[in-house]
Amino acid sequence: MPPPPVKPARGRSADDNRWRNVCIVGYLIPPLLRAEFPPTRNEATETESACSIVSQALAKIGIKLGEKAIAKIWARYSSFHDILGAQRDI
């Protein structure tokens, strides 16, 4: 009897997501930080943050990542910002 067929994984690959996340942290958030927006915000406030602005901008081009998802990406990959941010001045 042949083995059961393997279903393809849903969603993007881990490599695609990693590249997307590094681009968000390395290219989209830094200009907002230089404009003195905080990276994240307290959920109780209505103040804009870099993560909220990036989420809104990505939604306009059809990429649906909520502010919380962007904040999680920032928390995980913000060390890349420290490495990359020091090397370039955009």
N, C-alpha and C. Protein backbone atom coordinates (compact mmCIF):
# COMPACT_ATOMS: atom_id res chain seq x y z
N MET A 1 0.83 -1.17 0.00
CA MET A 1 0.00 0.00 0.00
C MET A 1 0.89 1.25 0.00
N PRO A 2 0.64 2.21 -0.91
CA PRO A 2 1.49 3.42 -0.98
C PRO A 2 1.22 4.33 0.22
N PRO A 3 2.22 5.14 0.57
CA PRO A 3 2.02 6.07 1.69
C PRO A 3 0.98 7.12 1.30
N PRO A 4 0.30 7.68 2.29
CA PRO A 4 -0.70 8.71 1.99
C PRO A 4 -0.03 9.94 1.40
N PRO A 5 -0.72 10.65 0.52
CA PRO A 5 -0.11 11.85 -0.08
C PRO A 5 0.14 12.91 0.99
N VAL A 6 1.20 13.64 0.80
CA VAL A 6 1.57 14.70 1.73
C VAL A 6 0.96 16.00 1.23
N LYS A 7 0.23 16.67 2.12
CA LYS A 7 -0.36 17.96 1.75
C LYS A 7 0.73 19.02 1.76
N PRO A 8 0.72 19.90 0.76
CA PRO A 8 1.70 20.99 0.78
C PRO A 8 1.41 21.93 1.95
N ALA A 9 2.45 22.52 2.48
CA ALA A 9 2.31 23.46 3.59
C ALA A 9 1.54 24.69 3.13
N ARG A 10 0.72 25.21 4.02
CA ARG A 10 -0.04 26.42 3.71
C ARG A 10 0.79 27.65 4.01
N GLY A 11 0.50 28.72 3.33
CA GLY A 11 1.17 29.99 3.60
C GLY A 11 2.54 30.08 2.97
N ARG A 12 3.23 31.12 3.35
CA ARG A 12 4.56 31.38 2.81
C ARG A 12 5.59 30.51 3.51
N SER A 13 6.72 30.33 2.85
CA SER A 13 7.78 29.54 3.44
C SER A 13 8.46 30.35 4.55
N ALA A 14 9.14 29.65 5.43
CA ALA A 14 9.86 30.31 6.52
C ALA A 14 10.91 31.27 5.97
N ASP A 15 11.56 30.90 4.87
CA ASP A 15 12.56 31.79 4.27
C ASP A 15 11.92 33.06 3.73
N ASP A 16 10.77 32.93 3.07
CA ASP A 16 10.06 34.11 2.57
C ASP A 16 9.68 35.04 3.72
N ASN A 17 9.14 34.46 4.79
CA ASN A 17 8.74 35.27 5.94
C ASN A 17 9.94 35.92 6.61
N ARG A 18 11.04 35.20 6.70
CA ARG A 18 12.24 35.76 7.32
C ARG A 18 12.73 36.97 6.52
N TRP A 19 12.76 36.85 5.20
CA TRP A 19 13.18 37.97 4.34
C TRP A 19 12.23 39.15 4.50
N ARG A 20 10.91 38.88 4.51
CA ARG A 20 9.91 39.93 4.71
C ARG A 20 10.15 40.62 6.04
N ASN A 21 10.37 39.85 7.10
CA ASN A 21 10.53 40.41 8.44
C ASN A 21 11.79 41.26 8.54
N VAL A 22 12.88 40.80 7.96
CA VAL A 22 14.11 41.58 8.00
C VAL A 22 13.94 42.88 7.20
N CYS A 23 13.21 42.83 6.10
CA CYS A 23 12.94 44.06 5.33
C CYS A 23 12.11 45.04 6.14
N ILE A 24 11.11 44.54 6.85
CA ILE A 24 10.27 45.41 7.68
C ILE A 24 11.13 46.09 8.75
N VAL A 25 11.94 45.31 9.44
CA VAL A 25 12.75 45.84 10.54
C VAL A 25 13.93 46.66 10.02
N GLY A 26 14.50 46.27 8.89
CA GLY A 26 15.69 46.95 8.39
C GLY A 26 15.41 48.15 7.52
N TYR A 27 14.25 48.18 6.85
CA TYR A 27 13.99 49.26 5.89
C TYR A 27 12.75 50.10 6.17
N LEU A 28 11.70 49.50 6.72
CA LEU A 28 10.45 50.25 6.89
C LEU A 28 10.37 50.97 8.24
N ILE A 29 10.81 50.32 9.29
CA ILE A 29 10.69 50.92 10.62
C ILE A 29 11.76 51.99 10.89
N PRO A 30 13.02 51.83 10.47
CA PRO A 30 14.05 52.83 10.82
C PRO A 30 13.74 54.29 10.46
N PRO A 31 13.19 54.59 9.27
CA PRO A 31 12.89 56.00 9.01
C PRO A 31 11.85 56.57 9.99
N LEU A 32 10.94 55.72 10.43
CA LEU A 32 9.93 56.18 11.39
C LEU A 32 10.55 56.40 12.77
N LEU A 33 11.51 55.57 13.12
CA LEU A 33 12.21 55.78 14.39
C LEU A 33 13.01 57.08 14.35
N ARG A 34 13.64 57.36 13.20
CA ARG A 34 14.38 58.62 13.07
C ARG A 34 13.45 59.83 13.11
N ALA A 35 12.19 59.62 12.71
CA ALA A 35 11.18 60.68 12.79
C ALA A 35 10.57 60.75 14.19
N GLU A 36 11.16 60.00 15.11
CA GLU A 36 10.82 60.02 16.53
C GLU A 36 9.48 59.37 16.87
N PHE A 37 9.01 58.44 16.03
CA PHE A 37 7.87 57.61 16.42
C PHE A 37 8.40 56.49 17.31
N PRO A 38 7.68 56.13 18.36
CA PRO A 38 8.12 54.98 19.15
C PRO A 38 7.93 53.70 18.32
N PRO A 39 8.74 52.67 18.54
CA PRO A 39 8.58 51.46 17.74
C PRO A 39 7.23 50.79 17.94
N THR A 40 6.76 50.73 19.19
CA THR A 40 5.45 50.13 19.49
C THR A 40 4.70 51.10 20.39
N ARG A 41 3.44 50.75 20.66
CA ARG A 41 2.66 51.63 21.52
C ARG A 41 1.86 50.82 22.52
N ASN A 42 1.42 51.49 23.53
CA ASN A 42 0.50 50.91 24.49
C ASN A 42 -0.86 50.78 23.81
N GLU A 43 -1.49 49.62 23.90
CA GLU A 43 -2.77 49.40 23.21
C GLU A 43 -3.87 50.35 23.68
N ALA A 44 -3.72 50.91 24.87
CA ALA A 44 -4.74 51.80 25.40
C ALA A 44 -4.67 53.20 24.79
N THR A 45 -3.59 53.52 24.10
CA THR A 45 -3.45 54.86 23.53
C THR A 45 -3.78 54.84 22.04
N GLU A 46 -4.03 55.99 21.51
CA GLU A 46 -4.29 56.12 20.08
C GLU A 46 -3.11 56.76 19.35
N THR A 47 -2.00 56.94 20.05
CA THR A 47 -0.81 57.51 19.46
C THR A 47 -0.25 56.57 18.40
N GLU A 48 0.20 57.12 17.30
CA GLU A 48 0.80 56.31 16.23
C GLU A 48 2.17 55.79 16.68
N SER A 49 2.51 54.62 16.19
CA SER A 49 3.83 54.05 16.42
C SER A 49 4.37 53.60 15.07
N ALA A 50 5.65 53.28 15.04
CA ALA A 50 6.24 52.78 13.79
C ALA A 50 5.52 51.52 13.33
N CYS A 51 5.22 50.62 14.25
CA CYS A 51 4.54 49.37 13.87
C CYS A 51 3.14 49.62 13.33
N SER A 52 2.41 50.56 13.92
CA SER A 52 1.06 50.85 13.43
C SER A 52 1.10 51.49 12.04
N ILE A 53 2.06 52.37 11.81
CA ILE A 53 2.19 53.03 10.51
C ILE A 53 2.59 52.03 9.44
N VAL A 54 3.55 51.14 9.75
CA VAL A 54 3.97 50.11 8.79
C VAL A 54 2.80 49.19 8.46
N SER A 55 2.02 48.81 9.46
CA SER A 55 0.87 47.94 9.23
C SER A 55 -0.13 48.60 8.27
N GLN A 56 -0.40 49.88 8.49
CA GLN A 56 -1.33 50.61 7.62
C GLN A 56 -0.78 50.73 6.19
N ALA A 57 0.50 51.00 6.07
CA ALA A 57 1.12 51.14 4.75
C ALA A 57 1.10 49.81 3.99
N LEU A 58 1.43 48.73 4.68
CA LEU A 58 1.40 47.41 4.02
C LEU A 58 -0.01 47.03 3.60
N ALA A 59 -1.01 47.39 4.41
CA ALA A 59 -2.41 47.09 4.06
C ALA A 59 -2.80 47.78 2.75
N LYS A 60 -2.27 48.97 2.53
CA LYS A 60 -2.59 49.71 1.29
C LYS A 60 -2.06 49.03 0.04
N ILE A 61 -1.04 48.19 0.19
CA ILE A 61 -0.52 47.47 -0.97
C ILE A 61 -0.90 46.00 -0.95
N GLY A 62 -1.87 45.67 -0.07
CA GLY A 62 -2.43 44.32 -0.07
C GLY A 62 -1.75 43.31 0.83
N ILE A 63 -0.84 43.75 1.68
CA ILE A 63 -0.18 42.85 2.62
C ILE A 63 -0.87 43.01 3.96
N LYS A 64 -1.56 41.98 4.39
CA LYS A 64 -2.35 42.06 5.61
C LYS A 64 -1.56 41.55 6.80
N LEU A 65 -0.90 42.46 7.46
CA LEU A 65 -0.19 42.18 8.71
C LEU A 65 -0.65 43.23 9.72
N GLY A 66 -1.26 42.79 10.78
CA GLY A 66 -1.75 43.72 11.79
C GLY A 66 -0.63 44.34 12.60
N GLU A 67 -1.00 45.34 13.35
CA GLU A 67 -0.01 46.04 14.18
C GLU A 67 0.64 45.08 15.18
N LYS A 68 -0.15 44.18 15.76
CA LYS A 68 0.42 43.22 16.72
C LYS A 68 1.43 42.30 16.04
N ALA A 69 1.14 41.88 14.82
CA ALA A 69 2.07 41.02 14.08
C ALA A 69 3.37 41.77 13.79
N ILE A 70 3.26 43.03 13.40
CA ILE A 70 4.45 43.84 13.14
C ILE A 70 5.24 44.03 14.44
N ALA A 71 4.54 44.25 15.55
CA ALA A 71 5.22 44.41 16.84
C ALA A 71 5.96 43.13 17.23
N LYS A 72 5.37 41.97 16.95
CA LYS A 72 6.05 40.69 17.22
C LYS A 72 7.30 40.56 16.36
N ILE A 73 7.19 40.96 15.10
CA ILE A 73 8.35 40.92 14.20
C ILE A 73 9.43 41.85 14.74
N TRP A 74 9.04 43.05 15.17
CA TRP A 74 10.00 44.00 15.73
C TRP A 74 10.69 43.40 16.95
N ALA A 75 9.92 42.79 17.83
CA ALA A 75 10.48 42.20 19.04
C ALA A 75 11.49 41.10 18.71
N ARG A 76 11.18 40.33 17.69
CA ARG A 76 12.06 39.20 17.34
C ARG A 76 13.30 39.63 16.57
N TYR A 77 13.15 40.61 15.66
CA TYR A 77 14.24 40.95 14.74
C TYR A 77 14.86 42.32 14.99
N SER A 78 14.51 43.00 16.07
CA SER A 78 15.01 44.36 16.27
C SER A 78 16.53 44.40 16.40
N SER A 79 17.14 43.29 16.77
CA SER A 79 18.61 43.28 16.83
C SER A 79 19.21 43.50 15.44
N PHE A 80 18.49 43.11 14.36
CA PHE A 80 18.96 43.38 13.00
C PHE A 80 18.97 44.88 12.74
N HIS A 81 18.01 45.58 13.31
CA HIS A 81 17.98 47.03 13.15
C HIS A 81 19.25 47.63 13.73
N ASP A 82 19.67 47.13 14.89
CA ASP A 82 20.88 47.65 15.51
C ASP A 82 22.09 47.42 14.61
N ILE A 83 22.15 46.25 13.99
CA ILE A 83 23.28 45.91 13.13
C ILE A 83 23.21 46.71 11.83
N LEU A 84 22.05 46.68 11.16
CA LEU A 84 21.91 47.33 9.86
C LEU A 84 21.83 48.85 9.98
N GLY A 85 21.16 49.32 10.99
CA GLY A 85 20.96 50.77 11.15
C GLY A 85 22.26 51.52 11.30
N ALA A 86 23.24 50.90 11.90
CA ALA A 86 24.52 51.58 12.11
C ALA A 86 25.33 51.65 10.80
N GLN A 87 24.97 50.84 9.80
CA GLN A 87 25.76 50.77 8.58
C GLN A 87 25.26 51.69 7.48
N ARG A 88 24.03 52.15 7.57
CA ARG A 88 23.52 52.97 6.49
C ARG A 88 22.74 54.16 7.04
N ASP A 89 22.76 55.20 6.29
CA ASP A 89 22.03 56.40 6.67
C ASP A 89 21.07 56.71 5.55
N ILE A 90 19.81 56.36 5.73
CA ILE A 90 18.80 56.54 4.67
C ILE A 90 18.17 57.90 4.82
